């Protein structure tokens, strides 16, 4: 079972910052997840909410947002900081323009980055389809809150087996069924090592957690 650092590792450092990313890597996370939004002037940044310090990200230029939050990180900075040390999941928020994100990723790959170290995830099927069409070699992850049926339909449309769902709507029978059907199911945001350990026995592929250090002794399933 893989351990994925949520927003870097938001339980160890401020979320979606270089410090959180570094904390997740040092904690031994198998992968790091970050959130991506795009500013008014087309700069992809790591941020979860629509607003930042009272400013709407999509309606604000990067310089103003950086002034309001000095540790705000661009996607380009994050990718070069990680530098293939661990795979990174780019959770692109719904309704964000994908072209600026694709441009940054292509530039990163052109400078020596590896597509195998990147994943695209989103709650939005439209967003994932756009990303997949532009960069089909990068793994896509369907992020879904509660509906296994919808998640499987979305995964089929994208040609992927990777699904991430809210752990509150999961149970061992569903996890086992998904694993038996060939899906790689992840649970977010799970900060309960013992529950993860139980679910690993039924085929849970990964947990997305705020505190990767809490899971370092979780049983690994072949």
N, C-alpha and C. Protein backbone atom coordinates (compact mmCIF):
# COMPACT_ATOMS: atom_id res chain seq x y z
N UNK A 1 0.84 -1.20 0.00
CA UNK A 1 0.00 0.00 0.00
C UNK A 1 0.87 1.25 0.00
N UNK A 2 0.56 2.17 -0.88
CA UNK A 2 1.35 3.39 -1.01
C UNK A 2 0.85 4.49 -0.07
N UNK A 3 1.77 5.32 0.36
CA UNK A 3 1.46 6.45 1.21
C UNK A 3 1.66 7.73 0.40
N UNK A 4 0.60 8.55 0.30
CA UNK A 4 0.63 9.77 -0.49
C UNK A 4 0.49 10.97 0.44
N UNK A 5 1.44 11.88 0.38
CA UNK A 5 1.39 13.08 1.22
C UNK A 5 0.36 14.07 0.69
N UNK A 6 -0.60 14.45 1.52
CA UNK A 6 -1.69 15.33 1.14
C UNK A 6 -1.26 16.80 1.18
N UNK A 7 -1.37 17.47 0.04
CA UNK A 7 -0.95 18.87 -0.10
C UNK A 7 0.51 19.03 0.35
N UNK A 8 1.31 18.08 -0.05
CA UNK A 8 2.69 17.99 0.39
C UNK A 8 2.72 17.08 1.60
N UNK A 9 2.54 17.68 2.75
CA UNK A 9 2.30 16.95 4.01
C UNK A 9 1.78 18.00 4.97
N UNK A 10 0.49 18.32 4.82
CA UNK A 10 -0.06 19.50 5.52
C UNK A 10 -0.09 19.35 7.03
N UNK A 11 0.08 18.13 7.53
CA UNK A 11 0.16 17.95 8.97
C UNK A 11 1.54 18.22 9.53
N UNK A 12 2.50 18.42 8.64
CA UNK A 12 3.88 18.62 9.07
C UNK A 12 4.41 20.01 8.74
N UNK A 13 3.78 20.70 7.79
CA UNK A 13 4.20 22.03 7.36
C UNK A 13 3.03 22.69 6.64
N UNK A 14 3.06 24.02 6.46
CA UNK A 14 1.96 24.69 5.76
C UNK A 14 1.69 24.07 4.39
N UNK A 15 0.43 23.78 4.13
CA UNK A 15 0.06 23.02 2.94
C UNK A 15 0.43 23.71 1.63
N UNK A 16 0.73 22.87 0.64
CA UNK A 16 1.02 23.34 -0.72
C UNK A 16 2.19 24.32 -0.78
N UNK A 17 3.16 24.14 0.11
CA UNK A 17 4.37 24.95 0.09
C UNK A 17 5.56 24.04 -0.17
N UNK A 18 6.71 24.65 -0.47
CA UNK A 18 7.92 23.86 -0.64
C UNK A 18 8.28 23.15 0.65
N UNK A 19 7.98 23.79 1.79
CA UNK A 19 8.26 23.17 3.08
C UNK A 19 7.42 21.91 3.27
N UNK A 20 6.15 21.95 2.87
CA UNK A 20 5.28 20.78 2.99
C UNK A 20 5.71 19.67 2.05
N UNK A 21 6.09 20.05 0.84
CA UNK A 21 6.58 19.06 -0.13
C UNK A 21 7.84 18.38 0.42
N UNK A 22 8.74 19.18 0.94
CA UNK A 22 9.99 18.63 1.47
C UNK A 22 9.72 17.74 2.68
N UNK A 23 8.78 18.15 3.51
CA UNK A 23 8.43 17.35 4.69
C UNK A 23 7.86 16.00 4.27
N UNK A 24 7.03 16.00 3.23
CA UNK A 24 6.46 14.75 2.73
C UNK A 24 7.53 13.83 2.17
N UNK A 25 8.46 14.39 1.42
CA UNK A 25 9.54 13.59 0.85
C UNK A 25 10.41 13.00 1.96
N UNK A 26 10.78 13.84 2.93
CA UNK A 26 11.63 13.37 4.03
C UNK A 26 10.92 12.36 4.91
N UNK A 27 9.57 12.42 4.94
CA UNK A 27 8.81 11.46 5.72
C UNK A 27 8.72 10.10 5.03
N UNK A 28 9.20 10.04 3.79
CA UNK A 28 9.20 8.78 3.07
C UNK A 28 7.94 8.49 2.28
N UNK A 29 7.13 9.52 2.02
CA UNK A 29 5.91 9.32 1.23
C UNK A 29 6.25 8.75 -0.14
N UNK A 30 5.44 7.82 -0.61
CA UNK A 30 5.67 7.23 -1.93
C UNK A 30 5.35 8.20 -3.05
N UNK A 31 4.38 9.09 -2.78
CA UNK A 31 4.02 10.11 -3.75
C UNK A 31 3.60 11.36 -2.98
N UNK A 32 3.60 12.49 -3.65
CA UNK A 32 3.17 13.76 -3.07
C UNK A 32 2.01 14.29 -3.90
N UNK A 33 0.98 14.80 -3.23
CA UNK A 33 -0.15 15.41 -3.93
C UNK A 33 -0.18 16.90 -3.62
N UNK A 34 -0.43 17.72 -4.66
CA UNK A 34 -0.57 19.16 -4.48
C UNK A 34 -1.77 19.64 -5.29
N UNK A 35 -2.31 20.79 -4.91
CA UNK A 35 -3.45 21.39 -5.61
C UNK A 35 -2.97 22.47 -6.56
N UNK A 36 -3.60 22.56 -7.71
CA UNK A 36 -3.16 23.52 -8.72
C UNK A 36 -4.33 24.42 -9.15
N UNK A 37 -4.08 25.72 -9.08
CA UNK A 37 -5.00 26.72 -9.63
C UNK A 37 -4.20 27.65 -10.54
N UNK A 38 -4.91 28.46 -11.32
CA UNK A 38 -4.25 29.34 -12.29
C UNK A 38 -4.65 30.78 -12.02
N UNK A 39 -3.66 31.66 -11.97
CA UNK A 39 -3.91 33.08 -11.71
C UNK A 39 -4.46 33.79 -12.95
N UNK A 40 -4.87 35.01 -12.76
CA UNK A 40 -5.43 35.80 -13.86
C UNK A 40 -4.43 35.97 -15.00
N UNK A 41 -3.14 36.06 -14.64
CA UNK A 41 -2.11 36.23 -15.68
C UNK A 41 -1.50 34.90 -16.12
N UNK A 42 -2.22 33.80 -15.86
CA UNK A 42 -1.85 32.51 -16.44
C UNK A 42 -0.72 31.77 -15.76
N UNK A 43 -0.52 32.01 -14.47
CA UNK A 43 0.54 31.33 -13.73
C UNK A 43 -0.07 30.23 -12.86
N UNK A 44 0.22 28.96 -13.13
CA UNK A 44 -0.27 27.89 -12.26
C UNK A 44 0.44 27.95 -10.91
N UNK A 45 -0.35 27.95 -9.83
CA UNK A 45 0.20 28.01 -8.48
C UNK A 45 -0.39 26.88 -7.65
N UNK A 46 0.29 26.58 -6.54
CA UNK A 46 -0.20 25.55 -5.63
C UNK A 46 -1.09 26.20 -4.58
N UNK A 47 -2.39 25.94 -4.71
CA UNK A 47 -3.34 26.50 -3.75
C UNK A 47 -4.64 25.73 -3.85
N UNK A 48 -5.29 25.48 -2.73
CA UNK A 48 -6.49 24.66 -2.70
C UNK A 48 -7.77 25.47 -2.92
N UNK A 49 -7.95 26.55 -2.18
CA UNK A 49 -9.21 27.29 -2.20
C UNK A 49 -9.31 28.23 -3.41
N UNK A 50 -10.52 28.68 -3.67
CA UNK A 50 -10.72 29.63 -4.76
C UNK A 50 -10.15 31.00 -4.41
N UNK A 51 -10.12 31.30 -3.11
CA UNK A 51 -9.61 32.59 -2.68
C UNK A 51 -8.35 32.43 -1.84
N UNK A 52 -7.54 33.48 -1.83
CA UNK A 52 -6.30 33.50 -1.05
C UNK A 52 -6.20 34.87 -0.38
N UNK A 53 -6.22 34.88 0.93
CA UNK A 53 -6.15 36.14 1.68
C UNK A 53 -7.19 37.14 1.17
N UNK A 54 -8.40 36.64 0.90
CA UNK A 54 -9.49 37.49 0.45
C UNK A 54 -9.49 37.80 -1.03
N UNK A 55 -8.49 37.34 -1.77
CA UNK A 55 -8.42 37.58 -3.21
C UNK A 55 -8.78 36.31 -3.97
N UNK A 56 -9.62 36.44 -4.97
CA UNK A 56 -9.95 35.30 -5.82
C UNK A 56 -8.77 35.01 -6.73
N UNK A 57 -8.27 33.79 -6.66
CA UNK A 57 -7.05 33.43 -7.41
C UNK A 57 -7.23 33.69 -8.90
N UNK A 58 -8.36 33.26 -9.45
CA UNK A 58 -8.58 33.37 -10.89
C UNK A 58 -8.72 34.82 -11.36
N UNK A 59 -8.96 35.74 -10.42
CA UNK A 59 -9.14 37.15 -10.79
C UNK A 59 -7.99 38.02 -10.29
N UNK A 60 -6.92 37.37 -9.85
CA UNK A 60 -5.78 38.11 -9.30
C UNK A 60 -4.51 37.73 -10.04
N UNK A 61 -3.59 38.67 -10.17
CA UNK A 61 -2.31 38.37 -10.81
C UNK A 61 -1.37 37.76 -9.78
N UNK A 62 -0.41 37.01 -10.29
CA UNK A 62 0.49 36.27 -9.41
C UNK A 62 1.24 37.19 -8.44
N UNK A 63 1.72 38.33 -8.93
CA UNK A 63 2.52 39.23 -8.08
C UNK A 63 1.74 39.67 -6.85
N UNK A 64 0.46 39.97 -7.02
CA UNK A 64 -0.36 40.40 -5.89
C UNK A 64 -0.57 39.26 -4.90
N UNK A 65 -0.79 38.05 -5.42
CA UNK A 65 -0.99 36.90 -4.55
C UNK A 65 0.29 36.56 -3.80
N UNK A 66 1.42 36.70 -4.46
CA UNK A 66 2.72 36.43 -3.84
C UNK A 66 3.00 37.43 -2.73
N UNK A 67 2.58 38.67 -2.93
CA UNK A 67 2.74 39.68 -1.88
C UNK A 67 1.90 39.32 -0.66
N UNK A 68 0.69 38.83 -0.92
CA UNK A 68 -0.20 38.46 0.18
C UNK A 68 0.26 37.19 0.88
N UNK A 69 0.91 36.30 0.12
CA UNK A 69 1.38 35.03 0.70
C UNK A 69 2.78 34.75 0.17
N UNK A 70 3.80 35.20 0.86
CA UNK A 70 5.18 35.08 0.36
C UNK A 70 5.64 33.66 0.06
N UNK A 71 5.05 32.68 0.72
CA UNK A 71 5.47 31.30 0.44
C UNK A 71 4.62 30.62 -0.63
N UNK A 72 3.84 31.41 -1.36
CA UNK A 72 3.06 30.86 -2.48
C UNK A 72 4.03 30.30 -3.53
N UNK A 73 3.75 29.10 -4.00
CA UNK A 73 4.66 28.40 -4.91
C UNK A 73 4.03 28.25 -6.29
N UNK A 74 4.79 28.51 -7.32
CA UNK A 74 4.30 28.23 -8.67
C UNK A 74 4.47 26.74 -8.95
N UNK A 75 3.69 26.25 -9.89
CA UNK A 75 3.82 24.84 -10.28
C UNK A 75 5.21 24.56 -10.82
N UNK A 76 5.75 25.50 -11.58
CA UNK A 76 7.09 25.32 -12.13
C UNK A 76 8.13 25.17 -11.01
N UNK A 77 8.03 26.03 -10.00
CA UNK A 77 8.97 25.95 -8.88
C UNK A 77 8.85 24.62 -8.16
N UNK A 78 7.62 24.16 -7.96
CA UNK A 78 7.39 22.90 -7.25
C UNK A 78 7.99 21.73 -8.01
N UNK A 79 7.75 21.67 -9.31
CA UNK A 79 8.25 20.55 -10.11
C UNK A 79 9.77 20.51 -10.10
N UNK A 80 10.39 21.65 -10.24
CA UNK A 80 11.86 21.68 -10.25
C UNK A 80 12.43 21.41 -8.86
N UNK A 81 11.69 21.77 -7.83
CA UNK A 81 12.15 21.47 -6.47
C UNK A 81 12.10 19.97 -6.20
N UNK A 82 11.02 19.33 -6.64
CA UNK A 82 10.89 17.89 -6.44
C UNK A 82 11.91 17.14 -7.29
N UNK A 83 12.06 17.58 -8.54
CA UNK A 83 13.11 17.07 -9.43
C UNK A 83 13.16 15.54 -9.47
N UNK A 84 12.01 14.93 -9.65
CA UNK A 84 11.92 13.47 -9.81
C UNK A 84 12.32 12.68 -8.56
N UNK A 85 12.41 13.35 -7.41
CA UNK A 85 12.73 12.60 -6.19
C UNK A 85 11.58 11.71 -5.75
N UNK A 86 10.37 12.10 -6.11
CA UNK A 86 9.20 11.29 -5.82
C UNK A 86 8.11 11.66 -6.83
N UNK A 87 7.24 10.72 -7.19
CA UNK A 87 6.14 11.08 -8.09
C UNK A 87 5.23 12.12 -7.45
N UNK A 88 4.63 12.97 -8.27
CA UNK A 88 3.76 14.02 -7.76
C UNK A 88 2.43 13.98 -8.48
N UNK A 89 1.36 14.07 -7.69
CA UNK A 89 -0.01 14.13 -8.23
C UNK A 89 -0.42 15.59 -8.28
N UNK A 90 -0.75 16.06 -9.46
CA UNK A 90 -1.23 17.43 -9.63
C UNK A 90 -2.76 17.39 -9.64
N UNK A 91 -3.36 17.76 -8.52
CA UNK A 91 -4.82 17.82 -8.48
C UNK A 91 -5.26 19.17 -9.02
N UNK A 92 -5.74 19.16 -10.23
CA UNK A 92 -6.18 20.40 -10.88
C UNK A 92 -7.62 20.65 -10.48
N UNK A 93 -7.87 21.80 -9.91
CA UNK A 93 -9.20 22.11 -9.39
C UNK A 93 -10.18 22.32 -10.56
N UNK A 94 -11.46 22.00 -10.35
CA UNK A 94 -12.47 22.14 -11.41
C UNK A 94 -12.53 23.57 -11.95
N UNK A 95 -12.78 23.67 -13.24
CA UNK A 95 -12.96 24.94 -13.95
C UNK A 95 -11.66 25.72 -14.16
N UNK A 96 -10.53 25.15 -13.79
CA UNK A 96 -9.27 25.83 -14.06
C UNK A 96 -8.87 25.62 -15.52
N UNK A 97 -8.30 26.62 -16.17
CA UNK A 97 -7.84 26.44 -17.55
C UNK A 97 -6.65 25.48 -17.58
N UNK A 98 -6.69 24.52 -18.47
CA UNK A 98 -5.64 23.50 -18.47
C UNK A 98 -4.43 23.91 -19.32
N UNK A 99 -4.62 24.82 -20.28
CA UNK A 99 -3.52 25.18 -21.17
C UNK A 99 -2.27 25.69 -20.43
N UNK A 100 -2.40 26.60 -19.45
CA UNK A 100 -1.20 27.06 -18.74
C UNK A 100 -0.51 25.94 -17.96
N UNK A 101 -1.29 25.00 -17.44
CA UNK A 101 -0.73 23.87 -16.70
C UNK A 101 0.03 22.95 -17.64
N UNK A 102 -0.57 22.67 -18.79
CA UNK A 102 0.08 21.83 -19.79
C UNK A 102 1.39 22.46 -20.25
N UNK A 103 1.39 23.77 -20.42
CA UNK A 103 2.59 24.47 -20.87
C UNK A 103 3.73 24.31 -19.87
N UNK A 104 3.41 24.45 -18.57
CA UNK A 104 4.43 24.31 -17.53
C UNK A 104 4.96 22.88 -17.50
N UNK A 105 4.05 21.91 -17.58
CA UNK A 105 4.47 20.50 -17.53
C UNK A 105 5.34 20.16 -18.73
N UNK A 106 4.97 20.61 -19.91
CA UNK A 106 5.77 20.33 -21.10
C UNK A 106 7.15 20.95 -20.99
N UNK A 107 7.23 22.15 -20.45
CA UNK A 107 8.53 22.80 -20.28
C UNK A 107 9.38 22.02 -19.28
N UNK A 108 8.74 21.53 -18.24
CA UNK A 108 9.45 20.73 -17.23
C UNK A 108 9.99 19.44 -17.85
N UNK A 109 9.15 18.77 -18.63
CA UNK A 109 9.60 17.54 -19.29
C UNK A 109 10.72 17.82 -20.28
N UNK A 110 10.64 18.96 -20.93
CA UNK A 110 11.68 19.33 -21.88
C UNK A 110 13.01 19.63 -21.24
N UNK A 111 12.98 19.92 -19.94
CA UNK A 111 14.22 20.23 -19.23
C UNK A 111 14.78 19.03 -18.49
N UNK A 112 14.22 17.85 -18.78
CA UNK A 112 14.76 16.63 -18.18
C UNK A 112 13.84 15.91 -17.23
N UNK A 113 12.64 16.45 -16.98
CA UNK A 113 11.68 15.77 -16.12
C UNK A 113 11.12 14.52 -16.79
N UNK A 114 10.51 13.66 -16.00
CA UNK A 114 10.00 12.39 -16.53
C UNK A 114 8.48 12.31 -16.37
N UNK A 115 7.80 11.96 -17.46
CA UNK A 115 6.35 11.83 -17.43
C UNK A 115 5.91 10.76 -16.43
N UNK A 116 6.75 9.76 -16.23
CA UNK A 116 6.41 8.67 -15.31
C UNK A 116 6.34 9.14 -13.86
N UNK A 117 6.88 10.33 -13.57
CA UNK A 117 6.85 10.87 -12.21
C UNK A 117 5.67 11.80 -11.98
N UNK A 118 4.82 11.97 -12.98
CA UNK A 118 3.70 12.89 -12.88
C UNK A 118 2.38 12.16 -12.99
N UNK A 119 1.37 12.68 -12.29
CA UNK A 119 0.00 12.20 -12.41
C UNK A 119 -0.92 13.41 -12.42
N UNK A 120 -2.00 13.32 -13.20
CA UNK A 120 -3.04 14.34 -13.19
C UNK A 120 -4.26 13.78 -12.46
N UNK A 121 -4.79 14.55 -11.51
CA UNK A 121 -6.00 14.15 -10.83
C UNK A 121 -6.98 15.31 -10.79
N UNK A 122 -8.28 14.99 -10.74
CA UNK A 122 -9.27 16.06 -10.64
C UNK A 122 -10.63 15.47 -10.29
N UNK A 123 -11.45 16.30 -9.64
CA UNK A 123 -12.85 15.96 -9.45
C UNK A 123 -13.63 16.20 -10.74
N UNK A 124 -13.08 16.99 -11.64
CA UNK A 124 -13.76 17.37 -12.88
C UNK A 124 -13.38 16.45 -14.02
N UNK A 125 -14.36 15.80 -14.61
CA UNK A 125 -14.09 14.94 -15.76
C UNK A 125 -13.65 15.76 -16.97
N UNK A 126 -14.25 16.93 -17.15
CA UNK A 126 -13.87 17.80 -18.26
C UNK A 126 -12.39 18.18 -18.16
N UNK A 127 -11.96 18.49 -16.95
CA UNK A 127 -10.57 18.85 -16.73
C UNK A 127 -9.64 17.69 -17.05
N UNK A 128 -9.97 16.52 -16.55
CA UNK A 128 -9.13 15.35 -16.79
C UNK A 128 -9.08 14.98 -18.27
N UNK A 129 -10.21 15.07 -18.94
CA UNK A 129 -10.23 14.75 -20.37
C UNK A 129 -9.34 15.71 -21.15
N UNK A 130 -9.37 16.99 -20.78
CA UNK A 130 -8.53 17.97 -21.46
C UNK A 130 -7.05 17.71 -21.23
N UNK A 131 -6.70 17.38 -20.00
CA UNK A 131 -5.31 17.08 -19.67
C UNK A 131 -4.84 15.81 -20.37
N UNK A 132 -5.70 14.80 -20.36
CA UNK A 132 -5.34 13.52 -20.97
C UNK A 132 -5.18 13.64 -22.48
N UNK A 133 -6.05 14.41 -23.10
CA UNK A 133 -5.95 14.59 -24.54
C UNK A 133 -4.64 15.27 -24.91
N UNK A 134 -4.23 16.24 -24.11
CA UNK A 134 -3.00 16.98 -24.41
C UNK A 134 -1.75 16.19 -24.08
N UNK A 135 -1.82 15.38 -23.01
CA UNK A 135 -0.64 14.65 -22.55
C UNK A 135 -1.04 13.23 -22.16
N UNK A 136 -1.31 12.38 -23.15
CA UNK A 136 -1.83 11.04 -22.89
C UNK A 136 -0.86 10.10 -22.19
N UNK A 137 0.42 10.44 -22.14
CA UNK A 137 1.37 9.54 -21.49
C UNK A 137 1.40 9.72 -19.97
N UNK A 138 0.77 10.77 -19.48
CA UNK A 138 0.75 11.01 -18.03
C UNK A 138 -0.48 10.35 -17.41
N UNK A 139 -0.27 9.62 -16.36
CA UNK A 139 -1.36 8.88 -15.68
C UNK A 139 -2.44 9.83 -15.19
N UNK A 140 -3.69 9.44 -15.37
CA UNK A 140 -4.81 10.21 -14.85
C UNK A 140 -5.44 9.47 -13.67
N UNK A 141 -5.87 10.23 -12.69
CA UNK A 141 -6.51 9.68 -11.49
C UNK A 141 -7.87 10.32 -11.33
N UNK A 142 -8.91 9.52 -11.33
CA UNK A 142 -10.27 10.00 -11.10
C UNK A 142 -10.45 10.25 -9.61
N UNK A 143 -10.77 11.47 -9.23
CA UNK A 143 -11.04 11.79 -7.84
C UNK A 143 -12.54 11.96 -7.68
N UNK A 144 -13.11 11.18 -6.80
CA UNK A 144 -14.57 11.11 -6.64
C UNK A 144 -14.90 11.09 -5.15
N UNK A 145 -15.98 11.76 -4.77
CA UNK A 145 -16.31 11.80 -3.35
C UNK A 145 -16.92 10.49 -2.85
N UNK A 146 -18.00 10.02 -3.48
CA UNK A 146 -18.71 8.90 -2.87
C UNK A 146 -19.22 7.85 -3.84
N UNK A 147 -19.43 8.18 -5.10
CA UNK A 147 -20.07 7.25 -6.03
C UNK A 147 -19.07 6.35 -6.74
N UNK A 148 -19.05 5.08 -6.36
CA UNK A 148 -18.18 4.12 -7.03
C UNK A 148 -18.59 3.89 -8.47
N UNK A 149 -19.88 3.93 -8.73
CA UNK A 149 -20.38 3.72 -10.09
C UNK A 149 -19.91 4.85 -11.00
N UNK A 150 -20.06 6.06 -10.54
CA UNK A 150 -19.61 7.21 -11.34
C UNK A 150 -18.09 7.20 -11.51
N UNK A 151 -17.39 6.83 -10.45
CA UNK A 151 -15.93 6.78 -10.52
C UNK A 151 -15.47 5.77 -11.57
N UNK A 152 -16.11 4.60 -11.59
CA UNK A 152 -15.74 3.56 -12.56
C UNK A 152 -16.07 4.01 -13.98
N UNK A 153 -17.20 4.68 -14.14
CA UNK A 153 -17.57 5.18 -15.48
C UNK A 153 -16.56 6.21 -15.96
N UNK A 154 -16.18 7.12 -15.08
CA UNK A 154 -15.20 8.13 -15.44
C UNK A 154 -13.85 7.49 -15.79
N UNK A 155 -13.44 6.51 -14.99
CA UNK A 155 -12.17 5.83 -15.23
C UNK A 155 -12.18 5.12 -16.58
N UNK A 156 -13.31 4.48 -16.90
CA UNK A 156 -13.43 3.79 -18.18
C UNK A 156 -13.31 4.78 -19.34
N UNK A 157 -13.94 5.93 -19.21
CA UNK A 157 -13.90 6.94 -20.26
C UNK A 157 -12.48 7.45 -20.49
N UNK A 158 -11.69 7.48 -19.42
CA UNK A 158 -10.32 7.99 -19.50
C UNK A 158 -9.30 6.89 -19.78
N UNK A 159 -9.75 5.64 -19.71
CA UNK A 159 -8.84 4.53 -19.92
C UNK A 159 -7.84 4.36 -18.79
N UNK A 160 -8.28 4.64 -17.55
CA UNK A 160 -7.40 4.52 -16.40
C UNK A 160 -8.00 3.57 -15.38
N UNK A 161 -7.18 3.02 -14.52
CA UNK A 161 -7.64 2.17 -13.43
C UNK A 161 -7.43 2.83 -12.07
N UNK A 162 -6.99 4.07 -12.08
CA UNK A 162 -6.66 4.76 -10.84
C UNK A 162 -7.82 5.65 -10.38
N UNK A 163 -8.29 5.38 -9.17
CA UNK A 163 -9.42 6.10 -8.60
C UNK A 163 -9.07 6.49 -7.16
N UNK A 164 -9.46 7.69 -6.76
CA UNK A 164 -9.26 8.16 -5.39
C UNK A 164 -10.60 8.63 -4.84
N UNK A 165 -11.00 8.08 -3.68
CA UNK A 165 -12.31 8.41 -3.12
C UNK A 165 -12.22 8.79 -1.65
N UNK A 166 -13.21 9.53 -1.19
CA UNK A 166 -13.30 9.93 0.22
C UNK A 166 -13.42 8.69 1.10
N UNK A 167 -12.51 8.54 2.05
CA UNK A 167 -12.48 7.33 2.88
C UNK A 167 -13.77 7.14 3.67
N UNK A 168 -14.49 8.24 3.95
CA UNK A 168 -15.72 8.14 4.75
C UNK A 168 -16.80 7.33 4.05
N UNK A 169 -16.69 7.16 2.73
CA UNK A 169 -17.70 6.42 1.97
C UNK A 169 -17.21 5.04 1.54
N UNK A 170 -16.06 4.62 2.07
CA UNK A 170 -15.50 3.33 1.71
C UNK A 170 -15.75 2.29 2.80
N UNK A 171 -15.80 1.04 2.39
CA UNK A 171 -15.87 -0.06 3.34
C UNK A 171 -15.16 -1.26 2.72
N UNK A 172 -14.82 -2.24 3.55
CA UNK A 172 -13.93 -3.31 3.09
C UNK A 172 -14.47 -4.08 1.90
N UNK A 173 -15.79 -4.30 1.85
CA UNK A 173 -16.36 -5.05 0.73
C UNK A 173 -16.21 -4.33 -0.58
N UNK A 174 -16.43 -3.02 -0.57
CA UNK A 174 -16.27 -2.22 -1.79
C UNK A 174 -14.82 -2.20 -2.22
N UNK A 175 -13.91 -2.03 -1.26
CA UNK A 175 -12.48 -2.00 -1.56
C UNK A 175 -12.05 -3.31 -2.20
N UNK A 176 -12.49 -4.42 -1.65
CA UNK A 176 -12.15 -5.73 -2.18
C UNK A 176 -12.69 -5.91 -3.59
N UNK A 177 -13.94 -5.48 -3.80
CA UNK A 177 -14.55 -5.60 -5.12
C UNK A 177 -13.81 -4.78 -6.17
N UNK A 178 -13.40 -3.57 -5.80
CA UNK A 178 -12.67 -2.71 -6.74
C UNK A 178 -11.30 -3.31 -7.07
N UNK A 179 -10.64 -3.84 -6.04
CA UNK A 179 -9.33 -4.46 -6.26
C UNK A 179 -9.45 -5.68 -7.16
N UNK A 180 -10.49 -6.47 -6.94
CA UNK A 180 -10.69 -7.66 -7.76
C UNK A 180 -11.02 -7.32 -9.21
N UNK A 181 -11.54 -6.10 -9.41
CA UNK A 181 -11.85 -5.64 -10.76
C UNK A 181 -10.68 -4.94 -11.44
N UNK A 182 -9.56 -4.91 -10.74
CA UNK A 182 -8.35 -4.34 -11.32
C UNK A 182 -8.12 -2.87 -11.06
N UNK A 183 -8.98 -2.25 -10.23
CA UNK A 183 -8.81 -0.82 -9.95
C UNK A 183 -7.76 -0.59 -8.88
N UNK A 184 -7.05 0.51 -9.00
CA UNK A 184 -6.08 0.95 -7.99
C UNK A 184 -6.77 2.04 -7.17
N UNK A 185 -7.38 1.64 -6.06
CA UNK A 185 -8.20 2.56 -5.27
C UNK A 185 -7.41 3.19 -4.14
N UNK A 186 -7.46 4.51 -4.09
CA UNK A 186 -6.84 5.27 -3.00
C UNK A 186 -7.93 5.89 -2.14
N UNK A 187 -7.62 6.13 -0.87
CA UNK A 187 -8.58 6.74 0.05
C UNK A 187 -8.04 8.08 0.53
N UNK A 188 -8.87 9.12 0.43
CA UNK A 188 -8.47 10.43 0.97
C UNK A 188 -9.47 10.87 2.04
N UNK A 189 -9.18 11.80 2.91
CA UNK A 189 -7.87 12.04 3.48
C UNK A 189 -7.85 11.22 4.75
N UNK A 190 -7.09 10.13 4.74
CA UNK A 190 -7.13 9.13 5.80
C UNK A 190 -5.93 9.31 6.73
N UNK A 191 -6.23 9.69 7.97
CA UNK A 191 -5.18 9.90 8.97
C UNK A 191 -5.27 8.88 10.10
N UNK A 192 -5.79 7.70 9.77
CA UNK A 192 -5.96 6.63 10.74
C UNK A 192 -5.18 5.40 10.29
N UNK A 193 -3.95 5.25 10.79
CA UNK A 193 -3.09 4.14 10.34
C UNK A 193 -3.70 2.76 10.52
N UNK A 194 -4.40 2.54 11.62
CA UNK A 194 -4.96 1.20 11.86
C UNK A 194 -6.06 0.86 10.86
N UNK A 195 -6.88 1.86 10.52
CA UNK A 195 -7.92 1.61 9.50
C UNK A 195 -7.27 1.31 8.15
N UNK A 196 -6.24 2.06 7.82
CA UNK A 196 -5.52 1.82 6.56
C UNK A 196 -4.93 0.43 6.55
N UNK A 197 -4.39 0.01 7.67
CA UNK A 197 -3.77 -1.31 7.77
C UNK A 197 -4.81 -2.40 7.54
N UNK A 198 -6.01 -2.22 8.09
CA UNK A 198 -7.08 -3.21 7.88
C UNK A 198 -7.51 -3.23 6.42
N UNK A 199 -7.68 -2.06 5.85
CA UNK A 199 -8.16 -1.98 4.47
C UNK A 199 -7.10 -2.47 3.47
N UNK A 200 -5.84 -2.35 3.84
CA UNK A 200 -4.78 -2.84 2.95
C UNK A 200 -4.95 -4.32 2.68
N UNK A 201 -5.47 -5.06 3.65
CA UNK A 201 -5.66 -6.50 3.50
C UNK A 201 -6.72 -6.82 2.43
N UNK A 202 -7.57 -5.85 2.16
CA UNK A 202 -8.62 -6.07 1.15
C UNK A 202 -8.26 -5.46 -0.20
N UNK A 203 -7.05 -4.91 -0.30
CA UNK A 203 -6.58 -4.44 -1.59
C UNK A 203 -6.53 -2.94 -1.78
N UNK A 204 -6.64 -2.16 -0.70
CA UNK A 204 -6.52 -0.71 -0.86
C UNK A 204 -5.15 -0.38 -1.43
N UNK A 205 -5.13 0.38 -2.50
CA UNK A 205 -3.87 0.67 -3.21
C UNK A 205 -3.04 1.73 -2.49
N UNK A 206 -3.71 2.77 -1.97
CA UNK A 206 -2.96 3.87 -1.36
C UNK A 206 -3.84 4.66 -0.41
N UNK A 207 -3.18 5.38 0.49
CA UNK A 207 -3.88 6.35 1.35
C UNK A 207 -3.28 7.72 1.10
N UNK A 208 -4.14 8.73 1.06
CA UNK A 208 -3.72 10.12 1.00
C UNK A 208 -3.84 10.65 2.42
N UNK A 209 -2.73 11.07 3.00
CA UNK A 209 -2.72 11.44 4.40
C UNK A 209 -1.99 12.75 4.66
N UNK A 210 -2.43 13.46 5.71
CA UNK A 210 -1.79 14.71 6.09
C UNK A 210 -0.44 14.47 6.78
N UNK A 211 -0.31 13.30 7.41
CA UNK A 211 0.88 13.03 8.22
C UNK A 211 1.51 11.70 7.79
N UNK A 212 2.31 11.70 6.75
CA UNK A 212 2.91 10.45 6.26
C UNK A 212 3.75 9.72 7.31
N UNK A 213 4.32 10.47 8.25
CA UNK A 213 5.16 9.83 9.28
C UNK A 213 4.37 8.86 10.15
N UNK A 214 3.06 9.07 10.27
CA UNK A 214 2.23 8.17 11.09
C UNK A 214 2.05 6.82 10.44
N UNK A 215 2.37 6.70 9.16
CA UNK A 215 2.09 5.48 8.41
C UNK A 215 3.36 4.70 8.06
N UNK A 216 4.48 5.08 8.63
CA UNK A 216 5.72 4.44 8.22
C UNK A 216 5.81 2.99 8.64
N UNK A 217 5.00 2.58 9.61
CA UNK A 217 5.03 1.18 10.03
C UNK A 217 3.77 0.43 9.60
N UNK A 218 2.95 1.07 8.76
CA UNK A 218 1.76 0.40 8.25
C UNK A 218 2.13 -0.80 7.39
N UNK A 219 1.41 -1.88 7.57
CA UNK A 219 1.70 -3.11 6.83
C UNK A 219 1.67 -2.89 5.33
N UNK A 220 2.64 -3.40 4.66
CA UNK A 220 2.73 -3.30 3.20
C UNK A 220 2.20 -4.58 2.59
N UNK A 221 1.29 -4.45 1.63
CA UNK A 221 0.69 -5.61 0.98
C UNK A 221 1.32 -5.78 -0.39
N UNK A 222 1.81 -6.95 -0.73
CA UNK A 222 2.44 -7.19 -2.05
C UNK A 222 1.46 -6.87 -3.17
